[in-house]
Amino acid sequence: MDMRTMETRPTPLSTVAFASDHAGVDLKSHLCTLVKDWGYTVVDLGPQAGESVDYPDYADKLAEALKTGAASEGVLICGSGIGISIAANRHPHIRAALVSDSLSARLAREHNNANVIALGARLIGPDLAADAVKLFLTTGFDGGERHARRVAKLG
C-alpha cells in the first residue's frame, strides 16, 4: 500500500498541528499539504520562511495547541528532530517521540501512545517522512495492561 494516499475513513479525522524550525520549513510545508490532501485539518504554527528561529519556541507553540484543544496530534520538525523533541517533552501533556522511519512512528503510537512525533529534516527524506506521518496518524494505542501501565507511569 502506498502510504502517501489516504483511504476513506468513516469517522471524522483529527486536527494535526505542525511546527518546525528554519531547517524544517520545506519538509513541514510538504507534509502539511499531504496531510490536508488526506482529509485532515492542519494547523501550521510556523515558521513560514527559512530565517533562523529557535526550535524551543515552536515546540512551545505546538504544545499550547494540544493543551487548548486546537489540535489533537502534532508533528515537529527540526534539523535532527532531537532538539525540538526535547523541548516538546518539557510539557507534561506531551509525549513526543523522535521517529526516523515508519516502524518507529507506528510503535510510538501503539506502545507509547505518543501524541507528537518529531522528524529530522536533515535525516529523513520526504517520502519516508510522509510514510511515518501517515502511520502515526492512522495507528491507535495498543493499550493492554502492559503498555497502559507503562504509559501511566510517564505522568
N, C-alpha and C. Protein backbone atom coordinates (compact mmCIF):
# COMPACT_ATOMS: atom_id res chain seq x y z
N MET A 1 0.84 -1.19 0.00
CA MET A 1 0.00 0.00 0.00
C MET A 1 0.88 1.24 0.00
N ASP A 2 0.55 2.20 -0.83
CA ASP A 2 1.28 3.47 -0.87
C ASP A 2 0.78 4.33 0.29
N MET A 3 1.64 4.57 1.27
CA MET A 3 1.23 5.27 2.48
C MET A 3 0.96 6.75 2.24
N ARG A 4 1.29 7.27 1.08
CA ARG A 4 1.05 8.69 0.81
C ARG A 4 -0.37 8.95 0.31
N THR A 5 -1.14 7.90 0.05
CA THR A 5 -2.54 8.07 -0.33
C THR A 5 -3.39 7.80 0.90
N MET A 6 -4.59 8.34 0.91
CA MET A 6 -5.44 8.22 2.09
C MET A 6 -6.67 7.41 1.72
N GLU A 7 -6.97 6.39 2.51
CA GLU A 7 -8.20 5.63 2.32
C GLU A 7 -9.34 6.39 2.98
N THR A 8 -10.56 6.16 2.51
CA THR A 8 -11.73 6.79 3.11
C THR A 8 -11.96 6.18 4.49
N ARG A 9 -12.18 7.03 5.47
CA ARG A 9 -12.44 6.58 6.83
C ARG A 9 -13.83 7.05 7.23
N PRO A 10 -14.58 6.21 7.95
CA PRO A 10 -15.95 6.57 8.31
C PRO A 10 -16.06 7.59 9.42
N THR A 11 -14.99 7.83 10.17
CA THR A 11 -15.05 8.77 11.28
C THR A 11 -14.33 10.06 10.91
N PRO A 12 -14.70 11.16 11.56
CA PRO A 12 -14.01 12.42 11.26
C PRO A 12 -12.52 12.32 11.58
N LEU A 13 -11.73 12.99 10.80
CA LEU A 13 -10.29 12.97 11.01
C LEU A 13 -9.90 14.07 11.97
N SER A 14 -8.79 13.88 12.62
CA SER A 14 -8.34 14.80 13.65
C SER A 14 -7.71 16.06 13.05
N THR A 15 -7.43 16.99 13.94
CA THR A 15 -6.69 18.19 13.58
C THR A 15 -5.25 17.98 13.99
N VAL A 16 -4.35 18.22 13.06
CA VAL A 16 -2.93 17.99 13.27
C VAL A 16 -2.19 19.32 13.22
N ALA A 17 -1.43 19.60 14.27
CA ALA A 17 -0.61 20.81 14.31
C ALA A 17 0.80 20.48 13.83
N PHE A 18 1.37 21.39 13.08
CA PHE A 18 2.74 21.27 12.58
C PHE A 18 3.52 22.49 13.03
N ALA A 19 4.77 22.27 13.41
CA ALA A 19 5.69 23.37 13.71
C ALA A 19 7.10 22.88 13.43
N SER A 20 7.97 23.82 13.14
CA SER A 20 9.35 23.45 12.83
C SER A 20 10.28 24.60 13.22
N ASP A 21 11.54 24.37 12.98
CA ASP A 21 12.47 25.49 12.99
C ASP A 21 12.81 25.79 11.54
N HIS A 22 13.79 26.63 11.30
CA HIS A 22 14.15 27.02 9.93
C HIS A 22 14.60 25.83 9.08
N ALA A 23 15.26 24.85 9.69
CA ALA A 23 15.73 23.69 8.93
C ALA A 23 14.59 22.80 8.45
N GLY A 24 13.44 22.88 9.11
CA GLY A 24 12.32 22.02 8.78
C GLY A 24 11.22 22.65 7.97
N VAL A 25 11.38 23.90 7.56
CA VAL A 25 10.30 24.62 6.88
C VAL A 25 9.84 23.90 5.61
N ASP A 26 10.76 23.50 4.76
CA ASP A 26 10.37 22.87 3.50
C ASP A 26 9.68 21.53 3.71
N LEU A 27 10.21 20.70 4.60
CA LEU A 27 9.57 19.41 4.87
C LEU A 27 8.21 19.62 5.52
N LYS A 28 8.12 20.59 6.42
CA LYS A 28 6.83 20.89 7.07
C LYS A 28 5.79 21.29 6.04
N SER A 29 6.15 22.16 5.12
CA SER A 29 5.23 22.60 4.07
C SER A 29 4.75 21.42 3.23
N HIS A 30 5.68 20.56 2.86
CA HIS A 30 5.35 19.37 2.07
C HIS A 30 4.37 18.46 2.82
N LEU A 31 4.66 18.21 4.09
CA LEU A 31 3.81 17.32 4.89
C LEU A 31 2.45 17.94 5.17
N CYS A 32 2.40 19.24 5.41
CA CYS A 32 1.11 19.91 5.62
C CYS A 32 0.20 19.71 4.41
N THR A 33 0.75 19.88 3.23
CA THR A 33 -0.03 19.70 2.00
C THR A 33 -0.55 18.27 1.91
N LEU A 34 0.30 17.29 2.13
CA LEU A 34 -0.13 15.89 2.07
C LEU A 34 -1.22 15.58 3.08
N VAL A 35 -1.01 16.01 4.31
CA VAL A 35 -1.97 15.69 5.37
C VAL A 35 -3.32 16.35 5.09
N LYS A 36 -3.31 17.56 4.55
CA LYS A 36 -4.57 18.19 4.12
C LYS A 36 -5.23 17.36 3.02
N ASP A 37 -4.43 16.91 2.07
CA ASP A 37 -4.96 16.08 0.97
C ASP A 37 -5.56 14.78 1.49
N TRP A 38 -5.05 14.28 2.60
CA TRP A 38 -5.59 13.06 3.19
C TRP A 38 -6.91 13.32 3.92
N GLY A 39 -7.30 14.57 4.07
CA GLY A 39 -8.57 14.90 4.69
C GLY A 39 -8.50 15.42 6.11
N TYR A 40 -7.33 15.59 6.64
CA TYR A 40 -7.17 16.12 7.99
C TYR A 40 -7.23 17.64 7.97
N THR A 41 -7.58 18.22 9.11
CA THR A 41 -7.45 19.64 9.31
C THR A 41 -6.03 19.89 9.79
N VAL A 42 -5.36 20.86 9.20
CA VAL A 42 -3.97 21.14 9.52
C VAL A 42 -3.85 22.55 10.10
N VAL A 43 -3.10 22.65 11.18
CA VAL A 43 -2.76 23.94 11.77
C VAL A 43 -1.25 24.09 11.62
N ASP A 44 -0.83 25.04 10.80
CA ASP A 44 0.59 25.29 10.58
C ASP A 44 1.02 26.43 11.50
N LEU A 45 1.80 26.10 12.51
CA LEU A 45 2.21 27.07 13.52
C LEU A 45 3.51 27.79 13.16
N GLY A 46 4.03 27.51 11.99
CA GLY A 46 5.21 28.21 11.51
C GLY A 46 6.49 27.49 11.84
N PRO A 47 7.55 28.15 11.46
CA PRO A 47 7.62 29.40 10.69
C PRO A 47 7.29 29.15 9.22
N GLN A 48 7.10 30.22 8.49
CA GLN A 48 6.74 30.11 7.07
C GLN A 48 7.95 30.32 6.15
N ALA A 49 9.02 30.84 6.68
CA ALA A 49 10.21 31.12 5.87
C ALA A 49 11.43 30.51 6.56
N GLY A 50 12.56 30.53 5.87
CA GLY A 50 13.75 29.87 6.36
C GLY A 50 14.69 30.70 7.20
N GLU A 51 14.26 31.87 7.69
CA GLU A 51 15.13 32.64 8.56
C GLU A 51 15.34 31.89 9.87
N SER A 52 16.51 32.05 10.44
CA SER A 52 16.86 31.34 11.66
C SER A 52 15.87 31.65 12.79
N VAL A 53 15.37 30.60 13.43
CA VAL A 53 14.47 30.71 14.59
C VAL A 53 14.93 29.70 15.63
N ASP A 54 14.40 29.81 16.82
CA ASP A 54 14.75 28.91 17.91
C ASP A 54 13.68 27.82 18.05
N TYR A 55 14.09 26.56 17.89
CA TYR A 55 13.15 25.44 17.91
C TYR A 55 12.33 25.34 19.21
N PRO A 56 12.85 25.71 20.40
CA PRO A 56 12.00 25.61 21.59
C PRO A 56 10.74 26.48 21.49
N ASP A 57 10.84 27.62 20.83
CA ASP A 57 9.68 28.50 20.70
C ASP A 57 8.56 27.81 19.91
N TYR A 58 8.93 27.05 18.90
CA TYR A 58 7.93 26.38 18.06
C TYR A 58 7.42 25.10 18.71
N ALA A 59 8.25 24.42 19.48
CA ALA A 59 7.77 23.29 20.28
C ALA A 59 6.74 23.77 21.29
N ASP A 60 7.00 24.95 21.89
CA ASP A 60 6.05 25.52 22.85
C ASP A 60 4.73 25.87 22.18
N LYS A 61 4.77 26.41 20.97
CA LYS A 61 3.53 26.74 20.24
C LYS A 61 2.71 25.49 19.99
N LEU A 62 3.38 24.41 19.59
CA LEU A 62 2.65 23.17 19.33
C LEU A 62 2.08 22.60 20.62
N ALA A 63 2.85 22.64 21.69
CA ALA A 63 2.37 22.15 22.98
C ALA A 63 1.12 22.92 23.42
N GLU A 64 1.13 24.21 23.22
CA GLU A 64 -0.03 25.04 23.56
C GLU A 64 -1.25 24.66 22.72
N ALA A 65 -1.04 24.39 21.44
CA ALA A 65 -2.15 23.99 20.57
C ALA A 65 -2.78 22.69 21.04
N LEU A 66 -1.98 21.74 21.50
CA LEU A 66 -2.53 20.49 22.02
C LEU A 66 -3.20 20.70 23.37
N LYS A 67 -2.64 21.57 24.19
CA LYS A 67 -3.21 21.85 25.51
C LYS A 67 -4.58 22.49 25.41
N THR A 68 -4.75 23.43 24.47
CA THR A 68 -6.02 24.13 24.32
C THR A 68 -7.05 23.36 23.50
N GLY A 69 -6.62 22.27 22.87
CA GLY A 69 -7.54 21.50 22.03
C GLY A 69 -7.62 22.00 20.60
N ALA A 70 -6.76 22.95 20.23
CA ALA A 70 -6.74 23.41 18.84
C ALA A 70 -6.29 22.31 17.89
N ALA A 71 -5.59 21.32 18.43
CA ALA A 71 -5.16 20.15 17.66
C ALA A 71 -5.12 18.96 18.60
N SER A 72 -5.22 17.76 18.03
CA SER A 72 -5.15 16.55 18.86
C SER A 72 -3.85 15.80 18.71
N GLU A 73 -3.14 16.03 17.62
CA GLU A 73 -1.83 15.43 17.39
C GLU A 73 -0.91 16.49 16.82
N GLY A 74 0.39 16.20 16.90
CA GLY A 74 1.34 17.17 16.38
C GLY A 74 2.52 16.52 15.70
N VAL A 75 3.10 17.30 14.78
CA VAL A 75 4.32 16.90 14.08
C VAL A 75 5.30 18.06 14.21
N LEU A 76 6.47 17.76 14.75
CA LEU A 76 7.52 18.75 14.92
C LEU A 76 8.71 18.38 14.05
N ILE A 77 9.36 19.39 13.49
CA ILE A 77 10.50 19.13 12.61
C ILE A 77 11.60 20.15 12.89
N CYS A 78 12.80 19.64 13.08
CA CYS A 78 14.00 20.49 13.11
C CYS A 78 15.07 19.75 12.32
N GLY A 79 16.29 20.23 12.33
CA GLY A 79 17.33 19.59 11.54
C GLY A 79 17.50 18.12 11.84
N SER A 80 17.62 17.79 13.13
CA SER A 80 17.81 16.40 13.54
C SER A 80 16.57 15.79 14.18
N GLY A 81 15.64 16.63 14.62
CA GLY A 81 14.48 16.16 15.36
C GLY A 81 14.74 16.05 16.85
N ILE A 82 16.00 16.08 17.23
CA ILE A 82 16.37 15.85 18.63
C ILE A 82 16.00 17.05 19.50
N GLY A 83 16.49 18.22 19.15
CA GLY A 83 16.25 19.39 19.99
C GLY A 83 14.79 19.71 20.17
N ILE A 84 14.04 19.64 19.08
CA ILE A 84 12.62 20.01 19.15
C ILE A 84 11.82 18.98 19.94
N SER A 85 12.25 17.70 19.91
CA SER A 85 11.55 16.69 20.71
C SER A 85 11.85 16.87 22.19
N ILE A 86 13.09 17.22 22.52
CA ILE A 86 13.44 17.50 23.92
C ILE A 86 12.63 18.69 24.43
N ALA A 87 12.55 19.74 23.62
CA ALA A 87 11.80 20.94 24.02
C ALA A 87 10.32 20.61 24.23
N ALA A 88 9.74 19.81 23.35
CA ALA A 88 8.32 19.47 23.48
C ALA A 88 8.05 18.64 24.73
N ASN A 89 8.94 17.73 25.03
CA ASN A 89 8.72 16.83 26.17
C ASN A 89 8.87 17.50 27.53
N ARG A 90 9.24 18.77 27.56
CA ARG A 90 9.23 19.53 28.81
C ARG A 90 7.80 19.78 29.28
N HIS A 91 6.85 19.68 28.38
CA HIS A 91 5.43 19.92 28.69
C HIS A 91 4.80 18.60 29.16
N PRO A 92 4.16 18.61 30.33
CA PRO A 92 3.67 17.34 30.89
C PRO A 92 2.60 16.64 30.06
N HIS A 93 1.86 17.36 29.23
CA HIS A 93 0.81 16.73 28.43
C HIS A 93 1.30 16.24 27.07
N ILE A 94 2.59 16.39 26.80
CA ILE A 94 3.17 15.98 25.53
C ILE A 94 3.95 14.68 25.70
N ARG A 95 3.71 13.76 24.79
CA ARG A 95 4.53 12.56 24.66
C ARG A 95 5.06 12.57 23.24
N ALA A 96 6.19 13.23 23.06
CA ALA A 96 6.80 13.38 21.73
C ALA A 96 7.83 12.29 21.51
N ALA A 97 7.74 11.63 20.38
CA ALA A 97 8.69 10.58 20.03
C ALA A 97 9.46 11.00 18.79
N LEU A 98 10.76 10.93 18.87
CA LEU A 98 11.61 11.16 17.71
C LEU A 98 11.56 9.90 16.86
N VAL A 99 11.10 10.03 15.62
CA VAL A 99 10.99 8.87 14.74
C VAL A 99 11.85 9.06 13.51
N SER A 100 12.35 7.96 13.00
CA SER A 100 13.23 8.01 11.84
C SER A 100 12.74 7.15 10.69
N ASP A 101 11.63 6.45 10.91
CA ASP A 101 11.10 5.57 9.88
C ASP A 101 9.65 5.22 10.22
N SER A 102 9.03 4.43 9.36
CA SER A 102 7.63 4.07 9.55
C SER A 102 7.41 3.20 10.77
N LEU A 103 8.33 2.26 11.01
CA LEU A 103 8.17 1.36 12.16
C LEU A 103 8.23 2.15 13.46
N SER A 104 9.19 3.05 13.61
CA SER A 104 9.26 3.81 14.86
C SER A 104 8.04 4.70 15.03
N ALA A 105 7.47 5.21 13.95
CA ALA A 105 6.24 6.02 14.04
C ALA A 105 5.06 5.17 14.51
N ARG A 106 4.94 3.97 13.97
CA ARG A 106 3.85 3.07 14.37
C ARG A 106 4.00 2.66 15.84
N LEU A 107 5.21 2.29 16.23
CA LEU A 107 5.43 1.84 17.61
C LEU A 107 5.27 2.99 18.61
N ALA A 108 5.62 4.20 18.21
CA ALA A 108 5.43 5.35 19.10
C ALA A 108 3.97 5.48 19.49
N ARG A 109 3.09 5.21 18.56
CA ARG A 109 1.66 5.31 18.82
C ARG A 109 1.15 4.04 19.52
N GLU A 110 1.48 2.88 18.98
CA GLU A 110 0.97 1.62 19.53
C GLU A 110 1.42 1.37 20.97
N HIS A 111 2.69 1.56 21.23
CA HIS A 111 3.24 1.20 22.54
C HIS A 111 3.34 2.36 23.51
N ASN A 112 3.55 3.57 23.01
CA ASN A 112 3.79 4.72 23.90
C ASN A 112 2.69 5.75 23.88
N ASN A 113 1.68 5.56 23.05
CA ASN A 113 0.57 6.50 22.93
C ASN A 113 1.07 7.93 22.72
N ALA A 114 2.09 8.07 21.86
CA ALA A 114 2.64 9.39 21.56
C ALA A 114 1.56 10.26 20.93
N ASN A 115 1.54 11.53 21.32
CA ASN A 115 0.62 12.47 20.69
C ASN A 115 1.35 13.44 19.76
N VAL A 116 2.67 13.31 19.72
CA VAL A 116 3.51 14.14 18.85
C VAL A 116 4.64 13.27 18.32
N ILE A 117 4.97 13.48 17.04
CA ILE A 117 6.21 12.89 16.54
C ILE A 117 7.13 14.02 16.09
N ALA A 118 8.42 13.75 16.20
CA ALA A 118 9.44 14.70 15.76
C ALA A 118 10.25 14.03 14.66
N LEU A 119 10.56 14.83 13.65
CA LEU A 119 11.32 14.35 12.49
C LEU A 119 12.54 15.22 12.29
N GLY A 120 13.60 14.62 11.81
CA GLY A 120 14.82 15.35 11.47
C GLY A 120 14.86 15.61 9.97
N ALA A 121 14.66 16.86 9.58
CA ALA A 121 14.60 17.21 8.16
C ALA A 121 15.90 16.89 7.43
N ARG A 122 17.01 16.93 8.14
CA ARG A 122 18.30 16.64 7.51
C ARG A 122 18.60 15.14 7.49
N LEU A 123 17.74 14.34 8.09
CA LEU A 123 18.00 12.91 8.25
C LEU A 123 16.98 12.01 7.55
N ILE A 124 15.84 12.55 7.19
CA ILE A 124 14.76 11.74 6.62
C ILE A 124 14.27 12.41 5.34
N GLY A 125 14.06 11.64 4.32
CA GLY A 125 13.56 12.19 3.06
C GLY A 125 12.06 12.42 3.11
N PRO A 126 11.54 13.16 2.14
CA PRO A 126 10.11 13.50 2.16
C PRO A 126 9.18 12.29 2.04
N ASP A 127 9.56 11.28 1.27
CA ASP A 127 8.68 10.12 1.12
C ASP A 127 8.63 9.30 2.41
N LEU A 128 9.79 9.07 3.01
CA LEU A 128 9.82 8.33 4.28
C LEU A 128 9.14 9.13 5.39
N ALA A 129 9.32 10.44 5.39
CA ALA A 129 8.63 11.28 6.38
C ALA A 129 7.12 11.18 6.20
N ALA A 130 6.65 11.19 4.96
CA ALA A 130 5.21 11.06 4.70
C ALA A 130 4.69 9.72 5.19
N ASP A 131 5.44 8.65 4.94
CA ASP A 131 5.03 7.33 5.42
C ASP A 131 4.95 7.31 6.94
N ALA A 132 5.93 7.90 7.61
CA ALA A 132 5.95 7.93 9.07
C ALA A 132 4.76 8.71 9.62
N VAL A 133 4.48 9.87 9.03
CA VAL A 133 3.34 10.68 9.49
C VAL A 133 2.03 9.93 9.25
N LYS A 134 1.91 9.30 8.12
CA LYS A 134 0.69 8.53 7.80
C LYS A 134 0.46 7.43 8.85
N LEU A 135 1.50 6.67 9.16
CA LEU A 135 1.36 5.61 10.16
C LEU A 135 1.07 6.18 11.54
N PHE A 136 1.71 7.26 11.89
CA PHE A 136 1.45 7.90 13.17
C PHE A 136 -0.03 8.30 13.28
N LEU A 137 -0.57 8.89 12.23
CA LEU A 137 -1.95 9.37 12.27
C LEU A 137 -3.00 8.26 12.20
N THR A 138 -2.65 7.14 11.62
CA THR A 138 -3.65 6.08 11.41
C THR A 138 -3.49 4.91 12.37
N THR A 139 -2.54 4.96 13.25
CA THR A 139 -2.32 3.88 14.21
C THR A 139 -2.87 4.29 15.57
N GLY A 140 -3.54 3.36 16.20
CA GLY A 140 -4.08 3.61 17.54
C GLY A 140 -3.19 3.05 18.63
N PHE A 141 -3.46 3.45 19.84
CA PHE A 141 -2.75 2.94 21.01
C PHE A 141 -3.19 1.51 21.25
N ASP A 142 -2.22 0.61 21.36
CA ASP A 142 -2.49 -0.80 21.59
C ASP A 142 -3.13 -1.03 22.95
N GLY A 143 -2.78 -0.17 23.89
CA GLY A 143 -3.33 -0.29 25.23
C GLY A 143 -2.88 -1.58 25.88
N GLY A 144 -3.82 -2.31 26.40
CA GLY A 144 -3.46 -3.52 27.11
C GLY A 144 -2.78 -3.16 28.42
N GLU A 145 -2.80 -4.10 29.33
CA GLU A 145 -2.26 -3.85 30.66
C GLU A 145 -0.79 -3.45 30.61
N ARG A 146 -0.02 -4.11 29.79
CA ARG A 146 1.42 -3.87 29.74
C ARG A 146 1.74 -2.46 29.28
N HIS A 147 1.21 -2.03 28.12
CA HIS A 147 1.53 -0.71 27.59
C HIS A 147 0.86 0.40 28.39
N ALA A 148 -0.40 0.19 28.78
CA ALA A 148 -1.12 1.22 29.53
C ALA A 148 -0.43 1.49 30.88
N ARG A 149 0.04 0.44 31.53
CA ARG A 149 0.72 0.60 32.81
C ARG A 149 1.98 1.45 32.66
N ARG A 150 2.72 1.20 31.60
CA ARG A 150 3.96 1.93 31.38
C ARG A 150 3.71 3.39 31.01
N VAL A 151 2.73 3.61 30.15
CA VAL A 151 2.41 4.98 29.75
C VAL A 151 1.90 5.77 30.95
N ALA A 152 1.11 5.13 31.82
CA ALA A 152 0.61 5.81 33.02
C ALA A 152 1.74 6.29 33.91
N LYS A 153 2.86 5.59 33.92
CA LYS A 153 4.00 6.00 34.74
C LYS A 153 4.73 7.21 34.18
N LEU A 154 4.42 7.58 32.94
CA LEU A 154 5.06 8.74 32.33
C LEU A 154 4.50 10.05 32.89
N GLY A 155 3.33 9.97 33.50
CA GLY A 155 2.77 11.18 34.11
C GLY A 155 1.51 11.65 33.49
